[in-house]
Amino acid sequence: MARLSDNPDELELEDFVAAHLQSRGVFVETGVTARDPQDILELDIVWTDYRDPKFIRHAVEVKSGKWQLGDLFKFFGWTRYLSLPSGQFACRRLPERLNVDVVKRICDRMDIELLYIDDLHNVTAHFTSLQLPEPPLDWLPGLWRFSYWARRRLMTLLTAAIQHQTCPESAKAAKDYAKLVNDAIFFEPDVRARVALLFEAHQKHLNWP
């Protein structure tokens, strides 16, 4: 049986943060990529609390290893480019020669919420600033984290199937559909256009189960 690390880094840390947001009752999207047609930017996490009638999307950048202050400004620029609120910046470590007070002061100037997750065993404290309810069940974050891991594995297997010519047509169609649902729909502001894109993709594969 697969066992996830007790010390998540890189993509696993993204899954960790996404899982804790999801378990608090918000809608979470991960790895949202803007293409025009090549990749322009990727948002690690976007969460939306549909209990709020404003339906505001909140972007989250996740850094587990070394990062510089330039990463903060790049993330801020992405949110401005996409007309999103400044969002949250989650990290496990801080740049050298900088303490949390300095980084937080810089984040405050850009209206970015710093989620400094230095202690994985005290996760609740890191999400209090978001004013979201606590998970109703203790095991929900772990379940959602495993779910995100499984989805990543599926996308990796689809890529391998295309490269090795194992069911290349169906694997490519599945991967293209995943990109449509995860990426293209996100950047389409007109709800009617979103539905039309999904319906068009459905019409191309009517025989799929």
C-alpha atoms as a PDB file:
ATOM      1  CA  MET A   1       0.000   0.000   0.000  1.00  0.00           C
ATOM      2  CA  ALA A   2       1.249   3.486  -0.857  1.00  0.00           C
ATOM      3  CA  ARG A   3       2.402   5.542   2.094  1.00  0.00           C
ATOM      4  CA  LEU A   4       2.837   9.281   1.875  1.00  0.00           C
ATOM      5  CA  SER A   5       5.770  11.045   3.498  1.00  0.00           C
ATOM      6  CA  ASP A   6       5.447  12.520   6.978  1.00  0.00           C
ATOM      7  CA  ASN A   7       7.751  15.296   5.786  1.00  0.00           C
ATOM      8  CA  PRO A   8       6.180  16.472   2.489  1.00  0.00           C
ATOM      9  CA  ASP A   9       8.218  18.602   0.108  1.00  0.00           C
ATOM     10  CA  GLU A  10       7.750  20.014  -3.397  1.00  0.00           C
ATOM     11  CA  LEU A  11       4.644  18.547  -5.077  1.00  0.00           C
ATOM     12  CA  GLU A  12       3.718  16.618  -1.942  1.00  0.00           C
ATOM     13  CA  LEU A  13       3.659  19.870   0.021  1.00  0.00           C
ATOM     14  CA  GLU A  14       1.280  21.322  -2.585  1.00  0.00           C
ATOM     15  CA  ASP A  15      -0.957  18.289  -2.048  1.00  0.00           C
ATOM     16  CA  PHE A  16      -0.650  18.749   1.721  1.00  0.00           C
ATOM     17  CA  VAL A  17      -1.807  22.383   1.588  1.00  0.00           C
ATOM     18  CA  ALA A  18      -4.547  21.614  -0.960  1.00  0.00           C
ATOM     19  CA  ALA A  19      -5.836  18.751   1.184  1.00  0.00           C
ATOM     20  CA  HIS A  20      -6.095  20.923   4.292  1.00  0.00           C
ATOM     21  CA  LEU A  21      -7.972  23.583   2.345  1.00  0.00           C
ATOM     22  CA  GLN A  22     -10.306  21.023   0.759  1.00  0.00           C
ATOM     23  CA  SER A  23     -11.090  19.433   4.121  1.00  0.00           C
ATOM     24  CA  ARG A  24     -12.261  22.847   5.345  1.00  0.00           C
ATOM     25  CA  GLY A  25     -15.141  22.816   2.870  1.00  0.00           C
ATOM     26  CA  VAL A  26     -13.838  24.977   0.028  1.00  0.00           C
ATOM     27  CA  PHE A  27     -13.553  24.109  -3.667  1.00  0.00           C
ATOM     28  CA  VAL A  28      -9.914  23.516  -4.596  1.00  0.00           C
ATOM     29  CA  GLU A  29      -8.192  23.507  -7.983  1.00  0.00           C
ATOM     30  CA  THR A  30      -4.518  22.582  -8.370  1.00  0.00           C
ATOM     31  CA  GLY A  31      -1.864  23.095 -11.012  1.00  0.00           C
ATOM     32  CA  VAL A  32      -3.979  25.546 -13.015  1.00  0.00           C
ATOM     33  CA  THR A  33      -1.934  26.446 -16.099  1.00  0.00           C
ATOM     34  CA  ALA A  34      -2.478  29.409 -18.433  1.00  0.00           C
ATOM     35  CA  ARG A  35      -1.553  28.609 -22.050  1.00  0.00           C
ATOM     36  CA  ASP A  36      -1.485  31.069 -24.942  1.00  0.00           C
ATOM     37  CA  PRO A  37      -0.780  28.569 -26.550  1.00  0.00           C
ATOM     38  CA  GLN A  38       2.424  27.765 -24.630  1.00  0.00           C
ATOM     39  CA  ASP A  39       2.556  27.748 -20.843  1.00  0.00           C
ATOM     40  CA  ILE A  40       2.595  31.296 -19.429  1.00  0.00           C
ATOM     41  CA  LEU A  41       2.115  30.640 -15.733  1.00  0.00           C
ATOM     42  CA  GLU A  42       0.899  28.006 -13.302  1.00  0.00           C
ATOM     43  CA  LEU A  43      -1.025  28.558 -10.095  1.00  0.00           C
ATOM     44  CA  ASP A  44      -0.199  25.861  -7.543  1.00  0.00           C
ATOM     45  CA  ILE A  45      -3.592  26.083  -5.810  1.00  0.00           C
ATOM     46  CA  VAL A  46      -6.773  28.080  -6.244  1.00  0.00           C
ATOM     47  CA  TRP A  47      -9.532  27.816  -3.652  1.00  0.00           C
ATOM     48  CA  THR A  48     -13.068  29.219  -3.663  1.00  0.00           C
ATOM     49  CA  ASP A  49     -15.452  29.371  -0.717  1.00  0.00           C
ATOM     50  CA  TYR A  50     -18.902  29.060  -2.292  1.00  0.00           C
ATOM     51  CA  ARG A  51     -20.532  29.967   1.011  1.00  0.00           C
ATOM     52  CA  ASP A  52     -19.420  33.501   0.191  1.00  0.00           C
ATOM     53  CA  PRO A  53     -21.861  34.917  -2.408  1.00  0.00           C
ATOM     54  CA  LYS A  54     -18.985  36.850  -4.014  1.00  0.00           C
ATOM     55  CA  PHE A  55     -17.371  33.547  -5.181  1.00  0.00           C
ATOM     56  CA  ILE A  56     -13.857  34.977  -4.841  1.00  0.00           C
ATOM     57  CA  ARG A  57     -10.979  32.859  -6.146  1.00  0.00           C
ATOM     58  CA  HIS A  58      -7.891  32.787  -3.928  1.00  0.00           C
ATOM     59  CA  ALA A  59      -4.540  31.783  -5.444  1.00  0.00           C
ATOM     60  CA  VAL A  60      -1.888  30.018  -3.350  1.00  0.00           C
ATOM     61  CA  GLU A  61       1.798  29.684  -4.179  1.00  0.00           C
ATOM     62  CA  VAL A  62       3.593  26.834  -2.358  1.00  0.00           C
ATOM     63  CA  LYS A  63       7.345  26.735  -1.770  1.00  0.00           C
ATOM     64  CA  SER A  64       8.994  23.895   0.116  1.00  0.00           C
ATOM     65  CA  GLY A  65      12.683  24.412  -0.650  1.00  0.00           C
ATOM     66  CA  LYS A  66      14.851  27.410  -1.367  1.00  0.00           C
ATOM     67  CA  TRP A  67      13.117  30.490  -2.697  1.00  0.00           C
ATOM     68  CA  GLN A  68      13.894  34.170  -2.998  1.00  0.00           C
ATOM     69  CA  LEU A  69      11.928  37.362  -2.521  1.00  0.00           C
ATOM     70  CA  GLY A  70      11.647  37.546  -6.303  1.00  0.00           C
ATOM     71  CA  ASP A  71       9.260  34.569  -6.117  1.00  0.00           C
ATOM     72  CA  LEU A  72       6.941  36.657  -3.961  1.00  0.00           C
ATOM     73  CA  PHE A  73       6.899  39.497  -6.473  1.00  0.00           C
ATOM     74  CA  LYS A  74       6.400  37.060  -9.371  1.00  0.00           C
ATOM     75  CA  PHE A  75       3.389  35.536  -7.632  1.00  0.00           C
ATOM     76  CA  PHE A  76       2.033  39.013  -6.927  1.00  0.00           C
ATOM     77  CA  GLY A  77       2.429  39.872 -10.616  1.00  0.00           C
ATOM     78  CA  TRP A  78       0.577  36.736 -11.670  1.00  0.00           C
ATOM     79  CA  THR A  79      -2.401  37.588  -9.480  1.00  0.00           C
ATOM     80  CA  ARG A  80      -2.482  41.127 -10.900  1.00  0.00           C
ATOM     81  CA  TYR A  81      -2.278  39.767 -14.458  1.00  0.00           C
ATOM     82  CA  LEU A  82      -5.228  37.445 -13.769  1.00  0.00           C
ATOM     83  CA  SER A  83      -7.213  40.095 -11.830  1.00  0.00           C
ATOM     84  CA  LEU A  84      -7.217  37.894  -8.708  1.00  0.00           C
ATOM     85  CA  PRO A  85      -6.800  38.950  -5.065  1.00  0.00           C
ATOM     86  CA  SER A  86      -3.199  38.793  -3.876  1.00  0.00           C
ATOM     87  CA  GLY A  87      -3.737  35.334  -2.352  1.00  0.00           C
ATOM     88  CA  GLN A  88      -1.557  33.309   0.003  1.00  0.00           C
ATOM     89  CA  PHE A  89       2.113  32.346  -0.080  1.00  0.00           C
ATOM     90  CA  ALA A  90       2.778  29.049   1.720  1.00  0.00           C
ATOM     91  CA  CYS A  91       6.306  27.975   2.594  1.00  0.00           C
ATOM     92  CA  ARG A  92       8.181  25.700   4.970  1.00  0.00           C
ATOM     93  CA  ARG A  93      11.459  27.618   4.961  1.00  0.00           C
ATOM     94  CA  LEU A  94      12.499  31.253   4.690  1.00  0.00           C
ATOM     95  CA  PRO A  95      15.224  32.830   2.536  1.00  0.00           C
ATOM     96  CA  GLU A  96      18.624  33.088   4.187  1.00  0.00           C
ATOM     97  CA  ARG A  97      19.231  36.121   6.397  1.00  0.00           C
ATOM     98  CA  LEU A  98      15.506  36.902   6.557  1.00  0.00           C
ATOM     99  CA  ASN A  99      13.222  36.244   9.503  1.00  0.00           C
ATOM    100  CA  VAL A 100       9.481  35.728   9.480  1.00  0.00           C
ATOM    101  CA  ASP A 101       8.726  39.298  10.595  1.00  0.00           C
ATOM    102  CA  VAL A 102      10.578  40.789   7.619  1.00  0.00           C
ATOM    103  CA  VAL A 103       8.932  38.434   5.113  1.00  0.00           C
ATOM    104  CA  LYS A 104       5.515  39.052   6.629  1.00  0.00           C
ATOM    105  CA  ARG A 105       6.014  42.825   6.416  1.00  0.00           C
ATOM    106  CA  ILE A 106       6.845  42.503   2.704  1.00  0.00           C
ATOM    107  CA  CYS A 107       3.793  40.280   2.179  1.00  0.00           C
ATOM    108  CA  ASP A 108       1.591  42.789   3.974  1.00  0.00           C
ATOM    109  CA  ARG A 109       2.719  45.529   1.560  1.00  0.00           C
ATOM    110  CA  MET A 110       1.413  43.357  -1.311  1.00  0.00           C
ATOM    111  CA  ASP A 111      -1.666  42.210   0.626  1.00  0.00           C
ATOM    112  CA  ILE A 112      -0.400  38.608   0.470  1.00  0.00           C
ATOM    113  CA  GLU A 113      -1.121  36.315   3.410  1.00  0.00           C
ATOM    114  CA  LEU A 114       1.993  34.446   4.503  1.00  0.00           C
ATOM    115  CA  LEU A 115       1.381  30.823   5.530  1.00  0.00           C
ATOM    116  CA  TYR A 116       4.682  29.901   7.170  1.00  0.00           C
ATOM    117  CA  ILE A 117       4.213  26.167   7.762  1.00  0.00           C
ATOM    118  CA  ASP A 118       7.292  25.547   9.860  1.00  0.00           C
ATOM    119  CA  ASP A 119       5.533  22.979  12.050  1.00  0.00           C
ATOM    120  CA  LEU A 120       3.523  20.315  10.204  1.00  0.00           C
ATOM    121  CA  HIS A 121       2.115  19.032  13.498  1.00  0.00           C
ATOM    122  CA  ASN A 122       0.400  22.311  14.260  1.00  0.00           C
ATOM    123  CA  VAL A 123      -1.413  22.787  10.948  1.00  0.00           C
ATOM    124  CA  THR A 124      -4.506  24.418  12.438  1.00  0.00           C
ATOM    125  CA  ALA A 125      -2.532  27.493  13.479  1.00  0.00           C
ATOM    126  CA  HIS A 126      -1.354  28.068   9.925  1.00  0.00           C
ATOM    127  CA  PHE A 127      -4.855  28.309   8.464  1.00  0.00           C
ATOM    128  CA  THR A 128      -6.536  30.446  11.123  1.00  0.00           C
ATOM    129  CA  SER A 129      -5.943  33.635   9.125  1.00  0.00           C
ATOM    130  CA  LEU A 130      -8.156  32.282   6.328  1.00  0.00           C
ATOM    131  CA  GLN A 131     -11.143  32.177   8.695  1.00  0.00           C
ATOM    132  CA  LEU A 132     -12.264  28.784   7.411  1.00  0.00           C
ATOM    133  CA  PRO A 133     -13.991  26.146   9.559  1.00  0.00           C
ATOM    134  CA  GLU A 134     -11.992  23.273  10.972  1.00  0.00           C
ATOM    135  CA  PRO A 135     -12.225  19.877   9.203  1.00  0.00           C
ATOM    136  CA  PRO A 136     -15.320  18.063  10.524  1.00  0.00           C
ATOM    137  CA  LEU A 137     -13.338  14.795  10.661  1.00  0.00           C
ATOM    138  CA  ASP A 138      -9.691  14.410  11.673  1.00  0.00           C
ATOM    139  CA  TRP A 139      -8.891  11.989   8.852  1.00  0.00           C
ATOM    140  CA  LEU A 140     -10.224  14.179   6.010  1.00  0.00           C
ATOM    141  CA  PRO A 141      -6.922  15.987   5.247  1.00  0.00           C
ATOM    142  CA  GLY A 142      -5.133  12.657   4.915  1.00  0.00           C
ATOM    143  CA  LEU A 143      -7.829  11.288   2.614  1.00  0.00           C
ATOM    144  CA  TRP A 144      -7.760  14.345   0.366  1.00  0.00           C
ATOM    145  CA  ARG A 145      -3.972  14.322   0.303  1.00  0.00           C
ATOM    146  CA  PHE A 146      -3.970  10.725  -0.910  1.00  0.00           C
ATOM    147  CA  SER A 147      -6.592  11.662  -3.515  1.00  0.00           C
ATOM    148  CA  TYR A 148      -4.382  14.443  -4.921  1.00  0.00           C
ATOM    149  CA  TRP A 149      -1.406  12.073  -4.979  1.00  0.00           C
ATOM    150  CA  ALA A 150      -3.445   9.471  -6.886  1.00  0.00           C
ATOM    151  CA  ARG A 151      -4.499  12.069  -9.466  1.00  0.00           C
ATOM    152  CA  ARG A 152      -0.877  13.055 -10.036  1.00  0.00           C
ATOM    153  CA  ARG A 153      -0.001   9.411 -10.556  1.00  0.00           C
ATOM    154  CA  LEU A 154      -2.813   9.035 -13.078  1.00  0.00           C
ATOM    155  CA  MET A 155      -1.589  12.020 -15.115  1.00  0.00           C
ATOM    156  CA  THR A 156       1.950  10.590 -15.049  1.00  0.00           C
ATOM    157  CA  LEU A 157       0.656   7.243 -16.323  1.00  0.00           C
ATOM    158  CA  LEU A 158      -1.311   8.938 -19.112  1.00  0.00           C
ATOM    159  CA  THR A 159       1.852  10.744 -20.237  1.00  0.00           C
ATOM    160  CA  ALA A 160       3.795   7.466 -20.171  1.00  0.00           C
ATOM    161  CA  ALA A 161       1.063   5.723 -22.170  1.00  0.00           C
ATOM    162  CA  ILE A 162       1.297   8.414 -24.863  1.00  0.00           C
ATOM    163  CA  GLN A 163       5.096   8.287 -25.008  1.00  0.00           C
ATOM    164  CA  HIS A 164       5.241   4.474 -25.198  1.00  0.00           C
ATOM    165  CA  GLN A 165       2.363   4.217 -27.678  1.00  0.00           C
ATOM    166  CA  THR A 166       0.184   2.291 -25.231  1.00  0.00           C
ATOM    167  CA  CYS A 167      -3.393   3.269 -26.103  1.00  0.00           C
ATOM    168  CA  PRO A 168      -1.988   6.608 -27.340  1.00  0.00           C
ATOM    169  CA  GLU A 169      -5.261   7.944 -28.758  1.00  0.00           C
ATOM    170  CA  SER A 170      -7.417   7.305 -25.699  1.00  0.00           C
ATOM    171  CA  ALA A 171      -4.630   8.395 -23.325  1.00  0.00           C
ATOM    172  CA  LYS A 172      -4.164  11.657 -25.249  1.00  0.00           C
ATOM    173  CA  ALA A 173      -7.922  12.269 -25.317  1.00  0.00           C
ATOM    174  CA  ALA A 174      -8.101  11.717 -21.546  1.00  0.00           C
ATOM    175  CA  LYS A 175      -5.163  14.060 -20.924  1.00  0.00           C
ATOM    176  CA  ASP A 176      -6.615  16.738 -23.225  1.00  0.00           C
ATOM    177  CA  TYR A 177      -9.935  16.489 -21.390  1.00  0.00           C
ATOM    178  CA  ALA A 178      -8.159  16.869 -18.041  1.00  0.00           C
ATOM    179  CA  LYS A 179      -6.439  20.022 -19.339  1.00  0.00           C
ATOM    180  CA  LEU A 180      -9.794  21.342 -20.531  1.00  0.00           C
ATOM    181  CA  VAL A 181     -11.476  20.815 -17.164  1.00  0.00           C
ATOM    182  CA  ASN A 182      -8.507  21.912 -15.040  1.00  0.00           C
ATOM    183  CA  ASP A 183      -7.073  24.747 -17.116  1.00  0.00           C
ATOM    184  CA  ALA A 184      -9.072  26.058 -20.086  1.00  0.00           C
ATOM    185  CA  ILE A 185     -12.379  26.289 -18.215  1.00  0.00           C
ATOM    186  CA  PHE A 186     -10.735  28.221 -15.381  1.00  0.00           C
ATOM    187  CA  PHE A 187      -9.694  31.065 -17.682  1.00  0.00           C
ATOM    188  CA  GLU A 188     -13.016  31.298 -19.561  1.00  0.00           C
ATOM    189  CA  PRO A 189     -15.056  34.053 -17.851  1.00  0.00           C
ATOM    190  CA  ASP A 190     -18.363  33.278 -19.594  1.00  0.00           C
ATOM    191  CA  VAL A 191     -20.223  30.405 -17.927  1.00  0.00           C
ATOM    192  CA  ARG A 192     -22.086  29.674 -21.146  1.00  0.00           C
ATOM    193  CA  ALA A 193     -18.810  29.313 -23.017  1.00  0.00           C
ATOM    194  CA  ARG A 194     -17.502  26.924 -20.321  1.00  0.00           C
ATOM    195  CA  VAL A 195     -20.541  24.681 -20.705  1.00  0.00           C
ATOM    196  CA  ALA A 196     -20.211  24.809 -24.497  1.00  0.00           C
ATOM    197  CA  LEU A 197     -16.569  23.699 -24.322  1.00  0.00           C
ATOM    198  CA  LEU A 198     -17.418  20.788 -22.025  1.00  0.00           C
ATOM    199  CA  PHE A 199     -20.378  19.743 -24.162  1.00  0.00           C
ATOM    200  CA  GLU A 200     -18.250  19.873 -27.322  1.00  0.00           C
ATOM    201  CA  ALA A 201     -15.657  17.596 -25.705  1.00  0.00           C
ATOM    202  CA  HIS A 202     -18.427  15.221 -24.611  1.00  0.00           C
ATOM    203  CA  GLN A 203     -19.840  15.071 -28.136  1.00  0.00           C
ATOM    204  CA  LYS A 204     -16.473  13.940 -29.484  1.00  0.00           C
ATOM    205  CA  HIS A 205     -16.410  10.894 -27.186  1.00  0.00           C
ATOM    206  CA  LEU A 206     -20.019   9.748 -26.885  1.00  0.00           C
ATOM    207  CA  ASN A 207     -19.030   6.099 -26.634  1.00  0.00           C
ATOM    208  CA  TRP A 208     -16.865   6.585 -23.578  1.00  0.00           C
ATOM    209  CA  PRO A 209     -18.286   4.975 -20.417  1.00  0.00           C
END
